Amino acid sequence: MFRQVLQEVVEKTDGAIAAILMGYDGIPVEQYVDDDAVLDVETVGMEYSVILKMIRNAADMLDIGAAQEVAIRAERMTTIIRLVTDEYFLAVAVRPAGNFGKARYLMRLRSSELAASLA
């Protein structure tokens, strides 16, 4: 079920190359990488899980509520990360010319389904 959701998000988003459902501990639950993509999505997810922990701690310290979404735009890739539960997040990698708005929309739509399946 997880793989189907990840595949749908990637395939329905122009320019998306990969998606991963991962725990804050850096352990992946499931991933999907487009056939023509050359990306170590697990390493990307592990590195960003460290950053997400820092963002979560900062939001707690500032008493602004839980972070829900983070986007990291780099020269060759934009990574959109959506928190699914207190323990898991969904990340999607999109090429620079890709439609990251569509990725955000699809992630928001499917995150509650992922959360229910993780419970």
PDB file of N, CA and C in Angstrom:
ATOM      1  N   MET A   1       0.824  -1.200   0.000  1.00  0.00           N
ATOM      2  CA  MET A   1       0.000   0.000   0.000  1.00  0.00           C
ATOM      3  C   MET A   1       0.864   1.259   0.000  1.00  0.00           C
ATOM      4  N   PHE A   2       1.926   1.265   0.832  1.00  0.00           N
ATOM      5  CA  PHE A   2       2.795   2.439   0.898  1.00  0.00           C
ATOM      6  C   PHE A   2       3.445   2.724  -0.454  1.00  0.00           C
ATOM      7  N   ARG A   3       3.952   1.667  -1.080  1.00  0.00           N
ATOM      8  CA  ARG A   3       4.632   1.844  -2.367  1.00  0.00           C
ATOM      9  C   ARG A   3       3.679   2.420  -3.413  1.00  0.00           C
ATOM     10  N   GLN A   4       2.429   1.983  -3.416  1.00  0.00           N
ATOM     11  CA  GLN A   4       1.448   2.479  -4.375  1.00  0.00           C
ATOM     12  C   GLN A   4       1.230   3.983  -4.210  1.00  0.00           C
ATOM     13  N   VAL A   5       1.157   4.434  -2.981  1.00  0.00           N
ATOM     14  CA  VAL A   5       0.960   5.863  -2.717  1.00  0.00           C
ATOM     15  C   VAL A   5       2.177   6.655  -3.192  1.00  0.00           C
ATOM     16  N   LEU A   6       3.369   6.181  -2.851  1.00  0.00           N
ATOM     17  CA  LEU A   6       4.591   6.870  -3.262  1.00  0.00           C
ATOM     18  C   LEU A   6       4.712   6.919  -4.780  1.00  0.00           C
ATOM     19  N   GLN A   7       4.416   5.802  -5.425  1.00  0.00           N
ATOM     20  CA  GLN A   7       4.478   5.742  -6.884  1.00  0.00           C
ATOM     21  C   GLN A   7       3.481   6.705  -7.501  1.00  0.00           C
ATOM     22  N   GLU A   8       2.286   6.775  -6.950  1.00  0.00           N
ATOM     23  CA  GLU A   8       1.269   7.688  -7.474  1.00  0.00           C
ATOM     24  C   GLU A   8       1.724   9.142  -7.390  1.00  0.00           C
ATOM     25  N   VAL A   9       2.289   9.524  -6.252  1.00  0.00           N
ATOM     26  CA  VAL A   9       2.747  10.902  -6.081  1.00  0.00           C
ATOM     27  C   VAL A   9       3.837  11.229  -7.106  1.00  0.00           C
ATOM     28  N   VAL A  10       4.793  10.319  -7.284  1.00  0.00           N
ATOM     29  CA  VAL A  10       5.879  10.555  -8.232  1.00  0.00           C
ATOM     30  C   VAL A  10       5.363  10.596  -9.663  1.00  0.00           C
ATOM     31  N   GLU A  11       4.552   9.634 -10.038  1.00  0.00           N
ATOM     32  CA  GLU A  11       4.098   9.540 -11.434  1.00  0.00           C
ATOM     33  C   GLU A  11       3.098  10.621 -11.821  1.00  0.00           C
ATOM     34  N   LYS A  12       2.371  11.161 -10.872  1.00  0.00           N
ATOM     35  CA  LYS A  12       1.390  12.203 -11.188  1.00  0.00           C
ATOM     36  C   LYS A  12       1.964  13.621 -11.052  1.00  0.00           C
ATOM     37  N   THR A  13       3.227  13.713 -10.671  1.00  0.00           N
ATOM     38  CA  THR A  13       3.870  15.017 -10.521  1.00  0.00           C
ATOM     39  C   THR A  13       4.934  15.182 -11.593  1.00  0.00           C
ATOM     40  N   ASP A  14       4.762  16.160 -12.471  1.00  0.00           N
ATOM     41  CA  ASP A  14       5.771  16.436 -13.496  1.00  0.00           C
ATOM     42  C   ASP A  14       7.097  16.771 -12.828  1.00  0.00           C
ATOM     43  N   GLY A  15       8.146  16.045 -13.212  1.00  0.00           N
ATOM     44  CA  GLY A  15       9.477  16.311 -12.698  1.00  0.00           C
ATOM     45  C   GLY A  15       9.838  15.598 -11.412  1.00  0.00           C
ATOM     46  N   ALA A  16       8.892  14.899 -10.799  1.00  0.00           N
ATOM     47  CA  ALA A  16       9.206  14.158  -9.573  1.00  0.00           C
ATOM     48  C   ALA A  16      10.061  12.945  -9.929  1.00  0.00           C
ATOM     49  N   ILE A  17      11.045  12.662  -9.082  1.00  0.00           N
ATOM     50  CA  ILE A  17      11.931  11.543  -9.380  1.00  0.00           C
ATOM     51  C   ILE A  17      11.935  10.469  -8.305  1.00  0.00           C
ATOM     52  N   ALA A  18      11.511  10.812  -7.084  1.00  0.00           N
ATOM     53  CA  ALA A  18      11.529   9.807  -6.018  1.00  0.00           C
ATOM     54  C   ALA A  18      10.664  10.253  -4.849  1.00  0.00           C
ATOM     55  N   ALA A  19      10.237   9.257  -4.067  1.00  0.00           N
ATOM     56  CA  ALA A  19       9.499   9.522  -2.839  1.00  0.00           C
ATOM     57  C   ALA A  19       9.910   8.478  -1.816  1.00  0.00           C
ATOM     58  N   ILE A  20       9.912   8.881  -0.552  1.00  0.00           N
ATOM     59  CA  ILE A  20      10.256   7.952   0.517  1.00  0.00           C
ATOM     60  C   ILE A  20       9.396   8.241   1.737  1.00  0.00           C
ATOM     61  N   LEU A  21       8.965   7.184   2.395  1.00  0.00           N
ATOM     62  CA  LEU A  21       8.286   7.259   3.678  1.00  0.00           C
ATOM     63  C   LEU A  21       9.296   6.758   4.694  1.00  0.00           C
ATOM     64  N   MET A  22       9.629   7.606   5.654  1.00  0.00           N
ATOM     65  CA  MET A  22      10.746   7.288   6.542  1.00  0.00           C
ATOM     66  C   MET A  22      10.435   7.714   7.965  1.00  0.00           C
ATOM     67  N   GLY A  23      11.032   7.019   8.913  1.00  0.00           N
ATOM     68  CA  GLY A  23      10.930   7.395  10.310  1.00  0.00           C
ATOM     69  C   GLY A  23      11.966   8.443  10.653  1.00  0.00           C
ATOM     70  N   TYR A  24      11.715   9.192  11.719  1.00  0.00           N
ATOM     71  CA  TYR A  24      12.690  10.187  12.173  1.00  0.00           C
ATOM     72  C   TYR A  24      14.010   9.541  12.567  1.00  0.00           C
ATOM     73  N   ASP A  25      13.982   8.241  12.831  1.00  0.00           N
ATOM     74  CA  ASP A  25      15.203   7.529  13.186  1.00  0.00           C
ATOM     75  C   ASP A  25      16.067   7.223  11.970  1.00  0.00           C
ATOM     76  N   GLY A  26      15.597   7.596  10.782  1.00  0.00           N
ATOM     77  CA  GLY A  26      16.362   7.373   9.557  1.00  0.00           C
ATOM     78  C   GLY A  26      16.136   6.021   8.918  1.00  0.00           C
ATOM     79  N   ILE A  27      15.196   5.266   9.427  1.00  0.00           N
ATOM     80  CA  ILE A  27      14.902   3.950   8.863  1.00  0.00           C
ATOM     81  C   ILE A  27      13.742   4.087   7.882  1.00  0.00           C
ATOM     82  N   PRO A  28      13.973   3.706   6.607  1.00  0.00           N
ATOM     83  CA  PRO A  28      12.907   3.839   5.609  1.00  0.00           C
ATOM     84  C   PRO A  28      11.823   2.775   5.779  1.00  0.00           C
ATOM     85  N   VAL A  29      10.589   3.185   5.552  1.00  0.00           N
ATOM     86  CA  VAL A  29       9.467   2.248   5.544  1.00  0.00           C
ATOM     87  C   VAL A  29       9.277   1.723   4.130  1.00  0.00           C
ATOM     88  N   GLU A  30       9.280   2.663   3.170  1.00  0.00           N
ATOM     89  CA  GLU A  30       9.110   2.306   1.752  1.00  0.00           C
ATOM     90  C   GLU A  30       9.641   3.453   0.909  1.00  0.00           C
ATOM     91  N   GLN A  31      10.016   3.121  -0.320  1.00  0.00           N
ATOM     92  CA  GLN A  31      10.487   4.143  -1.243  1.00  0.00           C
ATOM     93  C   GLN A  31      10.083   3.778  -2.660  1.00  0.00           C
ATOM     94  N   TYR A  32      10.064   4.797  -3.495  1.00  0.00           N
ATOM     95  CA  TYR A  32       9.812   4.607  -4.922  1.00  0.00           C
ATOM     96  C   TYR A  32      10.719   5.576  -5.666  1.00  0.00           C
ATOM     97  N   VAL A  33      11.480   5.051  -6.613  1.00  0.00           N
ATOM     98  CA  VAL A  33      12.369   5.868  -7.427  1.00  0.00           C
ATOM     99  C   VAL A  33      12.013   5.647  -8.886  1.00  0.00           C
ATOM    100  N   ASP A  34      11.801   6.749  -9.622  1.00  0.00           N
ATOM    101  CA  ASP A  34      11.505   6.668 -11.049  1.00  0.00           C
ATOM    102  C   ASP A  34      12.632   5.919 -11.761  1.00  0.00           C
ATOM    103  N   ASP A  35      12.276   5.162 -12.778  1.00  0.00           N
ATOM    104  CA  ASP A  35      13.236   4.300 -13.477  1.00  0.00           C
ATOM    105  C   ASP A  35      14.462   5.035 -13.998  1.00  0.00           C
ATOM    106  N   ASP A  36      14.304   6.252 -14.484  1.00  0.00           N
ATOM    107  CA  ASP A  36      15.442   6.959 -15.080  1.00  0.00           C
ATOM    108  C   ASP A  36      16.170   7.878 -14.094  1.00  0.00           C
ATOM    109  N   ALA A  37      15.825   7.795 -12.822  1.00  0.00           N
ATOM    110  CA  ALA A  37      16.455   8.648 -11.815  1.00  0.00           C
ATOM    111  C   ALA A  37      17.680   7.968 -11.216  1.00  0.00           C
ATOM    112  N   VAL A  38      18.700   8.757 -10.998  1.00  0.00           N
ATOM    113  CA  VAL A  38      19.900   8.271 -10.322  1.00  0.00           C
ATOM    114  C   VAL A  38      19.975   9.038  -9.008  1.00  0.00           C
ATOM    115  N   LEU A  39      19.434   8.424  -7.964  1.00  0.00           N
ATOM    116  CA  LEU A  39      19.339   9.105  -6.680  1.00  0.00           C
ATOM    117  C   LEU A  39      19.336   8.070  -5.568  1.00  0.00           C
ATOM    118  N   ASP A  40      20.166   8.272  -4.572  1.00  0.00           N
ATOM    119  CA  ASP A  40      20.157   7.420  -3.388  1.00  0.00           C
ATOM    120  C   ASP A  40      19.175   8.042  -2.401  1.00  0.00           C
ATOM    121  N   VAL A  41      17.923   7.695  -2.573  1.00  0.00           N
ATOM    122  CA  VAL A  41      16.847   8.332  -1.821  1.00  0.00           C
ATOM    123  C   VAL A  41      16.947   8.018  -0.328  1.00  0.00           C
ATOM    124  N   GLU A  42      17.481   6.877   0.045  1.00  0.00           N
ATOM    125  CA  GLU A  42      17.634   6.558   1.462  1.00  0.00           C
ATOM    126  C   GLU A  42      18.627   7.494   2.140  1.00  0.00           C
ATOM    127  N   THR A  43      19.734   7.781   1.476  1.00  0.00           N
ATOM    128  CA  THR A  43      20.723   8.697   2.044  1.00  0.00           C
ATOM    129  C   THR A  43      20.144  10.097   2.170  1.00  0.00           C
ATOM    130  N   VAL A  44      19.431  10.545   1.159  1.00  0.00           N
ATOM    131  CA  VAL A  44      18.781  11.857   1.223  1.00  0.00           C
ATOM    132  C   VAL A  44      17.817  11.901   2.409  1.00  0.00           C
ATOM    133  N   GLY A  45      17.008  10.869   2.544  1.00  0.00           N
ATOM    134  CA  GLY A  45      16.053  10.810   3.650  1.00  0.00           C
ATOM    135  C   GLY A  45      16.725  10.803   5.010  1.00  0.00           C
ATOM    136  N   MET A  46      17.806  10.035   5.147  1.00  0.00           N
ATOM    137  CA  MET A  46      18.521   9.984   6.429  1.00  0.00           C
ATOM    138  C   MET A  46      19.107  11.345   6.791  1.00  0.00           C
ATOM    139  N   GLU A  47      19.703  12.007   5.816  1.00  0.00           N
ATOM    140  CA  GLU A  47      20.294  13.324   6.098  1.00  0.00           C
ATOM    141  C   GLU A  47      19.222  14.347   6.467  1.00  0.00           C
ATOM    142  N   TYR A  48      18.109  14.329   5.759  1.00  0.00           N
ATOM    143  CA  TYR A  48      17.054  15.291   6.058  1.00  0.00           C
ATOM    144  C   TYR A  48      16.313  14.961   7.348  1.00  0.00           C
ATOM    145  N   SER A  49      16.343  13.699   7.789  1.00  0.00           N
ATOM    146  CA  SER A  49      15.694  13.363   9.057  1.00  0.00           C
ATOM    147  C   SER A  49      16.379  14.084  10.213  1.00  0.00           C
ATOM    148  N   VAL A  50      17.690  14.276  10.115  1.00  0.00           N
ATOM    149  CA  VAL A  50      18.430  15.018  11.138  1.00  0.00           C
ATOM    150  C   VAL A  50      17.959  16.470  11.160  1.00  0.00           C
ATOM    151  N   ILE A  51      17.802  17.063   9.988  1.00  0.00           N
ATOM    152  CA  ILE A  51      17.338  18.452   9.896  1.00  0.00           C
ATOM    153  C   ILE A  51      15.917  18.582  10.423  1.00  0.00           C
ATOM    154  N   LEU A  52      15.074  17.609  10.120  1.00  0.00           N
ATOM    155  CA  LEU A  52      13.691  17.651  10.602  1.00  0.00           C
ATOM    156  C   LEU A  52      13.619  17.621  12.127  1.00  0.00           C
ATOM    157  N   LYS A  53      14.488  16.850  12.742  1.00  0.00           N
ATOM    158  CA  LYS A  53      14.516  16.819  14.211  1.00  0.00           C
ATOM    159  C   LYS A  53      14.851  18.198  14.762  1.00  0.00           C
ATOM    160  N   MET A  54      15.802  18.885  14.132  1.00  0.00           N
ATOM    161  CA  MET A  54      16.173  20.224  14.579  1.00  0.00           C
ATOM    162  C   MET A  54      15.014  21.206  14.379  1.00  0.00           C
ATOM    163  N   ILE A  55      14.325  21.094  13.253  1.00  0.00           N
ATOM    164  CA  ILE A  55      13.179  21.971  12.989  1.00  0.00           C
ATOM    165  C   ILE A  55      12.081  21.708  14.008  1.00  0.00           C
ATOM    166  N   ARG A  56      11.837  20.450  14.302  1.00  0.00           N
ATOM    167  CA  ARG A  56      10.811  20.093  15.288  1.00  0.00           C
ATOM    168  C   ARG A  56      11.168  20.663  16.664  1.00  0.00           C
ATOM    169  N   ASN A  57      12.431  20.534  17.050  1.00  0.00           N
ATOM    170  CA  ASN A  57      12.865  21.077  18.337  1.00  0.00           C
ATOM    171  C   ASN A  57      12.741  22.597  18.373  1.00  0.00           C
ATOM    172  N   ALA A  58      13.102  23.262  17.284  1.00  0.00           N
ATOM    173  CA  ALA A  58      12.987  24.722  17.224  1.00  0.00           C
ATOM    174  C   ALA A  58      11.531  25.156  17.340  1.00  0.00           C
ATOM    175  N   ALA A  59      10.631  24.470  16.648  1.00  0.00           N
ATOM    176  CA  ALA A  59       9.210  24.808  16.721  1.00  0.00           C
ATOM    177  C   ALA A  59       8.683  24.623  18.143  1.00  0.00           C
ATOM    178  N   ASP A  60       9.146  23.566  18.821  1.00  0.00           N
ATOM    179  CA  ASP A  60       8.744  23.351  20.214  1.00  0.00           C
ATOM    180  C   ASP A  60       9.255  24.471  21.116  1.00  0.00           C
ATOM    181  N   MET A  61      10.530  24.836  20.944  1.00  0.00           N
ATOM    182  CA  MET A  61      11.126  25.886  21.777  1.00  0.00           C
ATOM    183  C   MET A  61      10.432  27.228  21.565  1.00  0.00           C
ATOM    184  N   LEU A  62      10.027  27.497  20.334  1.00  0.00           N
ATOM    185  CA  LEU A  62       9.362  28.760  20.020  1.00  0.00           C
ATOM    186  C   LEU A  62       7.872  28.736  20.331  1.00  0.00           C
ATOM    187  N   ASP A  63       7.375  27.551  20.671  1.00  0.00           N
ATOM    188  CA  ASP A  63       5.952  27.369  20.995  1.00  0.00           C
ATOM    189  C   ASP A  63       5.050  27.864  19.867  1.00  0.00           C
ATOM    190  N   ILE A  64       5.390  27.464  18.628  1.00  0.00           N
ATOM    191  CA  ILE A  64       4.616  27.878  17.456  1.00  0.00           C
ATOM    192  C   ILE A  64       3.778  26.744  16.873  1.00  0.00           C
ATOM    193  N   GLY A  65       3.801  25.607  17.533  1.00  0.00           N
ATOM    194  CA  GLY A  65       3.066  24.454  17.031  1.00  0.00           C
ATOM    195  C   GLY A  65       3.981  23.578  16.183  1.00  0.00           C
ATOM    196  N   ALA A  66       3.495  22.422  15.870  1.00  0.00           N
ATOM    197  CA  ALA A  66       4.295  21.448  15.122  1.00  0.00           C
ATOM    198  C   ALA A  66       4.475  21.873  13.670  1.00  0.00           C
ATOM    199  N   ALA A  67       5.675  21.682  13.165  1.00  0.00           N
ATOM    200  CA  ALA A  67       5.934  21.921  11.742  1.00  0.00           C
ATOM    201  C   ALA A  67       5.171  20.871  10.949  1.00  0.00           C
ATOM    202  N   GLN A  68       4.633  21.266   9.822  1.00  0.00           N
ATOM    203  CA  GLN A  68       3.868  20.334   9.001  1.00  0.00           C
ATOM    204  C   GLN A  68       4.552  20.020   7.686  1.00  0.00           C
ATOM    205  N   GLU A  69       5.307  20.985   7.167  1.00  0.00           N
ATOM    206  CA  GLU A  69       5.911  20.807   5.857  1.00  0.00           C
ATOM    207  C   GLU A  69       7.180  21.629   5.745  1.00  0.00           C
ATOM    208  N   VAL A  70       8.170  21.070   5.052  1.00  0.00           N
ATOM    209  CA  VAL A  70       9.433  21.743   4.834  1.00  0.00           C
ATOM    210  C   VAL A  70       9.816  21.530   3.374  1.00  0.00           C
ATOM    211  N   ALA A  71      10.326  22.564   2.729  1.00  0.00           N
ATOM    212  CA  ALA A  71      10.831  22.434   1.360  1.00  0.00           C
ATOM    213  C   ALA A  71      12.275  22.896   1.340  1.00  0.00           C
ATOM    214  N   ILE A  72      13.117  22.102   0.704  1.00  0.00           N
ATOM    215  CA  ILE A  72      14.533  22.430   0.586  1.00  0.00           C
ATOM    216  C   ILE A  72      14.842  22.501  -0.896  1.00  0.00           C
ATOM    217  N   ARG A  73      15.135  23.704  -1.349  1.00  0.00           N
ATOM    218  CA  ARG A  73      15.399  23.915  -2.777  1.00  0.00           C
ATOM    219  C   ARG A  73      16.898  24.016  -2.994  1.00  0.00           C
ATOM    220  N   ALA A  74      17.432  23.069  -3.733  1.00  0.00           N
ATOM    221  CA  ALA A  74      18.847  23.058  -4.075  1.00  0.00           C
ATOM    222  C   ALA A  74      18.979  23.281  -5.582  1.00  0.00           C
ATOM    223  N   GLU A  75      20.182  23.383  -6.039  1.00  0.00           N
ATOM    224  CA  GLU A  75      20.426  23.674  -7.456  1.00  0.00           C
ATOM    225  C   GLU A  75      19.849  22.607  -8.379  1.00  0.00           C
ATOM    226  N   ARG A  76      19.972  21.341  -7.998  1.00  0.00           N
ATOM    227  CA  ARG A  76      19.552  20.256  -8.892  1.00  0.00           C
ATOM    228  C   ARG A  76      18.324  19.499  -8.424  1.00  0.00           C
ATOM    229  N   MET A  77      17.748  19.906  -7.265  1.00  0.00           N
ATOM    230  CA  MET A  77      16.601  19.171  -6.766  1.00  0.00           C
ATOM    231  C   MET A  77      15.897  19.960  -5.674  1.00  0.00           C
ATOM    232  N   THR A  78      14.579  19.895  -5.675  1.00  0.00           N
ATOM    233  CA  THR A  78      13.790  20.407  -4.564  1.00  0.00           C
ATOM    234  C   THR A  78      13.222  19.212  -3.834  1.00  0.00           C
ATOM    235  N   THR A  79      13.386  19.205  -2.525  1.00  0.00           N
ATOM    236  CA  THR A  79      12.834  18.126  -1.708  1.00  0.00           C
ATOM    237  C   THR A  79      11.734  18.706  -0.849  1.00  0.00           C
ATOM    238  N   ILE A  80      10.550  18.142  -0.961  1.00  0.00           N
ATOM    239  CA  ILE A  80       9.414  18.559  -0.153  1.00  0.00           C
ATOM    240  C   ILE A  80       9.195  17.469   0.887  1.00  0.00           C
ATOM    241  N   ILE A  81       9.096  17.872   2.130  1.00  0.00           N
ATOM    242  CA  ILE A  81       8.936  16.926   3.225  1.00  0.00           C
ATOM    243  C   ILE A  81       7.658  17.276   3.966  1.00  0.00           C
ATOM    244  N   ARG A  82       6.805  16.290   4.141  1.00  0.00           N
ATOM    245  CA  ARG A  82       5.549  16.475   4.872  1.00  0.00           C
ATOM    246  C   ARG A  82       5.521  15.507   6.038  1.00  0.00           C
ATOM    247  N   LEU A  83       5.258  16.028   7.219  1.00  0.00           N
ATOM    248  CA  LEU A  83       5.183  15.176   8.389  1.00  0.00           C
ATOM    249  C   LEU A  83       3.867  14.413   8.355  1.00  0.00           C
ATOM    250  N   VAL A  84       3.957  13.110   8.492  1.00  0.00           N
ATOM    251  CA  VAL A  84       2.780  12.243   8.408  1.00  0.00           C
ATOM    252  C   VAL A  84       2.260  11.933   9.807  1.00  0.00           C
ATOM    253  N   THR A  85       3.163  11.600  10.715  1.00  0.00           N
ATOM    254  CA  THR A  85       2.844  11.369  12.128  1.00  0.00           C
ATOM    255  C   THR A  85       3.989  11.960  12.951  1.00  0.00           C
ATOM    256  N   ASP A  86       3.927  11.769  14.265  1.00  0.00           N
ATOM    257  CA  ASP A  86       5.005  12.235  15.122  1.00  0.00           C
ATOM    258  C   ASP A  86       6.294  11.441  14.910  1.00  0.00           C
ATOM    259  N   GLU A  87       6.197  10.315  14.236  1.00  0.00           N
ATOM    260  CA  GLU A  87       7.361   9.448  14.047  1.00  0.00           C
ATOM    261  C   GLU A  87       7.793   9.281  12.585  1.00  0.00           C
ATOM    262  N   TYR A  88       6.931   9.670  11.625  1.00  0.00           N
ATOM    263  CA  TYR A  88       7.206   9.408  10.210  1.00  0.00           C
ATOM    264  C   TYR A  88       6.983  10.641   9.353  1.00  0.00           C
ATOM    265  N   PHE A  89       7.745  10.689   8.247  1.00  0.00           N
ATOM    266  CA  PHE A  89       7.570  11.763   7.281  1.00  0.00           C
ATOM    267  C   PHE A  89       7.615  11.203   5.866  1.00  0.00           C
ATOM    268  N   LEU A  90       7.050  11.968   4.954  1.00  0.00           N
ATOM    269  CA  LEU A  90       7.035  11.654   3.533  1.00  0.00           C
ATOM    270  C   LEU A  90       7.872  12.710   2.831  1.00  0.00           C
ATOM    271  N   ALA A  91       8.811  12.276   2.002  1.00  0.00           N
ATOM    272  CA  ALA A  91       9.655  13.207   1.254  1.00  0.00           C
ATOM    273  C   ALA A  91       9.555  12.883  -0.234  1.00  0.00           C
ATOM    274  N   VAL A  92       9.477  13.930  -1.045  1.00  0.00           N
ATOM    275  CA  VAL A  92       9.420  13.776  -2.494  1.00  0.00           C
ATOM    276  C   VAL A  92      10.488  14.668  -3.110  1.00  0.00           C
ATOM    277  N   ALA A  93      11.275  14.095  -4.013  1.00  0.00           N
ATOM    278  CA  ALA A  93      12.319  14.831  -4.722  1.00  0.00           C
ATOM    279  C   ALA A  93      11.803  15.209  -6.106  1.00  0.00           C
ATOM    280  N   VAL A  94      11.972  16.489  -6.460  1.00  0.00           N
ATOM    281  CA  VAL A  94      11.462  17.022  -7.719  1.00  0.00           C
ATOM    282  C   VAL A  94      12.587  17.770  -8.435  1.00  0.00           C
ATOM    283  N   ARG A  95      12.696  17.565  -9.734  1.00  0.00           N
ATOM    284  CA  ARG A  95      13.683  18.303 -10.539  1.00  0.00           C
ATOM    285  C   ARG A  95      13.364  19.801 -10.500  1.00  0.00           C
ATOM    286  N   PRO A  96      14.359  20.651 -10.771  1.00  0.00           N
ATOM    287  CA  PRO A  96      14.145  22.102 -10.668  1.00  0.00           C
ATOM    288  C   PRO A  96      12.967  22.629 -11.493  1.00  0.00           C
ATOM    289  N   ALA A  97      12.741  22.078 -12.666  1.00  0.00           N
ATOM    290  CA  ALA A  97      11.643  22.557 -13.515  1.00  0.00           C
ATOM    291  C   ALA A  97      10.333  21.825 -13.224  1.00  0.00           C
ATOM    292  N   GLY A  98      10.339  20.943 -12.241  1.00  0.00           N
ATOM    293  CA  GLY A  98       9.151  20.140 -11.931  1.00  0.00           C
ATOM    294  C   GLY A  98       8.073  20.938 -11.218  1.00  0.00           C
ATOM    295  N   ASN A  99       6.939  20.319 -11.059  1.00  0.00           N
ATOM    296  CA  ASN A  99       5.769  20.956 -10.461  1.00  0.00           C
ATOM    297  C   ASN A  99       5.692  20.597  -8.976  1.00  0.00           C
ATOM    298  N   PHE A 100       6.448  21.322  -8.153  1.00  0.00           N
ATOM    299  CA  PHE A 100       6.453  20.953  -6.747  1.00  0.00           C
ATOM    300  C   PHE A 100       5.153  21.325  -6.043  1.00  0.00           C
ATOM    301  N   GLY A 101       4.382  22.223  -6.619  1.00  0.00           N
ATOM    302  CA  GLY A 101       3.058  22.519  -6.076  1.00  0.00           C
ATOM    303  C   GLY A 101       2.141  21.315  -6.162  1.00  0.00           C
ATOM    304  N   LYS A 102       2.222  20.605  -7.269  1.00  0.00           N
ATOM    305  CA  LYS A 102       1.417  19.382  -7.435  1.00  0.00           C
ATOM    306  C   LYS A 102       1.888  18.318  -6.454  1.00  0.00           C
ATOM    307  N   ALA A 103       3.194  18.214  -6.252  1.00  0.00           N
ATOM    308  CA  ALA A 103       3.712  17.251  -5.284  1.00  0.00           C
ATOM    309  C   ALA A 103       3.178  17.571  -3.886  1.00  0.00           C
ATOM    310  N   ARG A 104       3.199  18.831  -3.516  1.00  0.00           N
ATOM    311  CA  ARG A 104       2.678  19.241  -2.201  1.00  0.00           C
ATOM    312  C   ARG A 104       1.203  18.885  -2.060  1.00  0.00           C
ATOM    313  N   TYR A 105       0.440  19.132  -3.105  1.00  0.00           N
ATOM    314  CA  TYR A 105      -0.988  18.829  -3.098  1.00  0.00           C
ATOM    315  C   TYR A 105      -1.229  17.329  -2.912  1.00  0.00           C
ATOM    316  N   LEU A 106      -0.545  16.516  -3.703  1.00  0.00           N
ATOM    317  CA  LEU A 106      -0.728  15.069  -3.609  1.00  0.00           C
ATOM    318  C   LEU A 106      -0.250  14.521  -2.266  1.00  0.00           C
ATOM    319  N   MET A 107       0.827  15.077  -1.749  1.00  0.00           N
ATOM    320  CA  MET A 107       1.316  14.649  -0.441  1.00  0.00           C
ATOM    321  C   MET A 107       0.294  14.963   0.646  1.00  0.00           C
ATOM    322  N   ARG A 108      -0.290  16.148   0.573  1.00  0.00           N
ATOM    323  CA  ARG A 108      -1.300  16.527   1.559  1.00  0.00           C
ATOM    324  C   ARG A 108      -2.515  15.617   1.477  1.00  0.00           C
ATOM    325  N   LEU A 109      -2.925  15.286   0.251  1.00  0.00           N
ATOM    326  CA  LEU A 109      -4.085  14.415   0.079  1.00  0.00           C
ATOM    327  C   LEU A 109      -3.867  13.018   0.639  1.00  0.00           C
ATOM    328  N   ARG A 110      -2.682  12.479   0.432  1.00  0.00           N
ATOM    329  CA  ARG A 110      -2.433  11.082   0.779  1.00  0.00           C
ATOM    330  C   ARG A 110      -1.823  10.869   2.161  1.00  0.00           C
ATOM    331  N   SER A 111      -1.385  11.937   2.833  1.00  0.00           N
ATOM    332  CA  SER A 111      -0.701  11.761   4.112  1.00  0.00           C
ATOM    333  C   SER A 111      -1.601  11.178   5.198  1.00  0.00           C
ATOM    334  N   SER A 112      -2.878  11.514   5.211  1.00  0.00           N
ATOM    335  CA  SER A 112      -3.766  10.944   6.231  1.00  0.00           C
ATOM    336  C   SER A 112      -3.959   9.439   6.028  1.00  0.00           C
ATOM    337  N   GLU A 113      -3.990   9.011   4.766  1.00  0.00           N
ATOM    338  CA  GLU A 113      -4.079   7.582   4.479  1.00  0.00           C
ATOM    339  C   GLU A 113      -2.815   6.858   4.954  1.00  0.00           C
ATOM    340  N   LEU A 114      -1.671   7.462   4.717  1.00  0.00           N
ATOM    341  CA  LEU A 114      -0.405   6.871   5.187  1.00  0.00           C
ATOM    342  C   LEU A 114      -0.393   6.807   6.711  1.00  0.00           C
ATOM    343  N   ALA A 115      -0.820   7.881   7.363  1.00  0.00           N
ATOM    344  CA  ALA A 115      -0.844   7.926   8.829  1.00  0.00           C
ATOM    345  C   ALA A 115      -1.738   6.829   9.392  1.00  0.00           C
ATOM    346  N   ALA A 116      -2.906   6.632   8.783  1.00  0.00           N
ATOM    347  CA  ALA A 116      -3.819   5.599   9.259  1.00  0.00           C
ATOM    348  C   ALA A 116      -3.205   4.199   9.111  1.00  0.00           C
ATOM    349  N   SER A 117      -2.473   3.985   8.053  1.00  0.00           N
ATOM    350  CA  SER A 117      -1.847   2.684   7.835  1.00  0.00           C
ATOM    351  C   SER A 117      -0.649   2.445   8.748  1.00  0.00           C
ATOM    352  N   LEU A 118      -0.036   3.517   9.203  1.00  0.00           N
ATOM    353  CA  LEU A 118       1.106   3.381  10.115  1.00  0.00           C
ATOM    354  C   LEU A 118       0.673   3.135  11.549  1.00  0.00           C
ATOM    355  N   ALA A 119      -0.568   3.456  11.872  1.00  0.00           N
ATOM    356  CA  ALA A 119      -1.065   3.317  13.253  1.00  0.00           C
ATOM    357  C   ALA A 119      -1.264   1.880  13.653  1.00  0.00           C
TER     358      ALA A 119
END
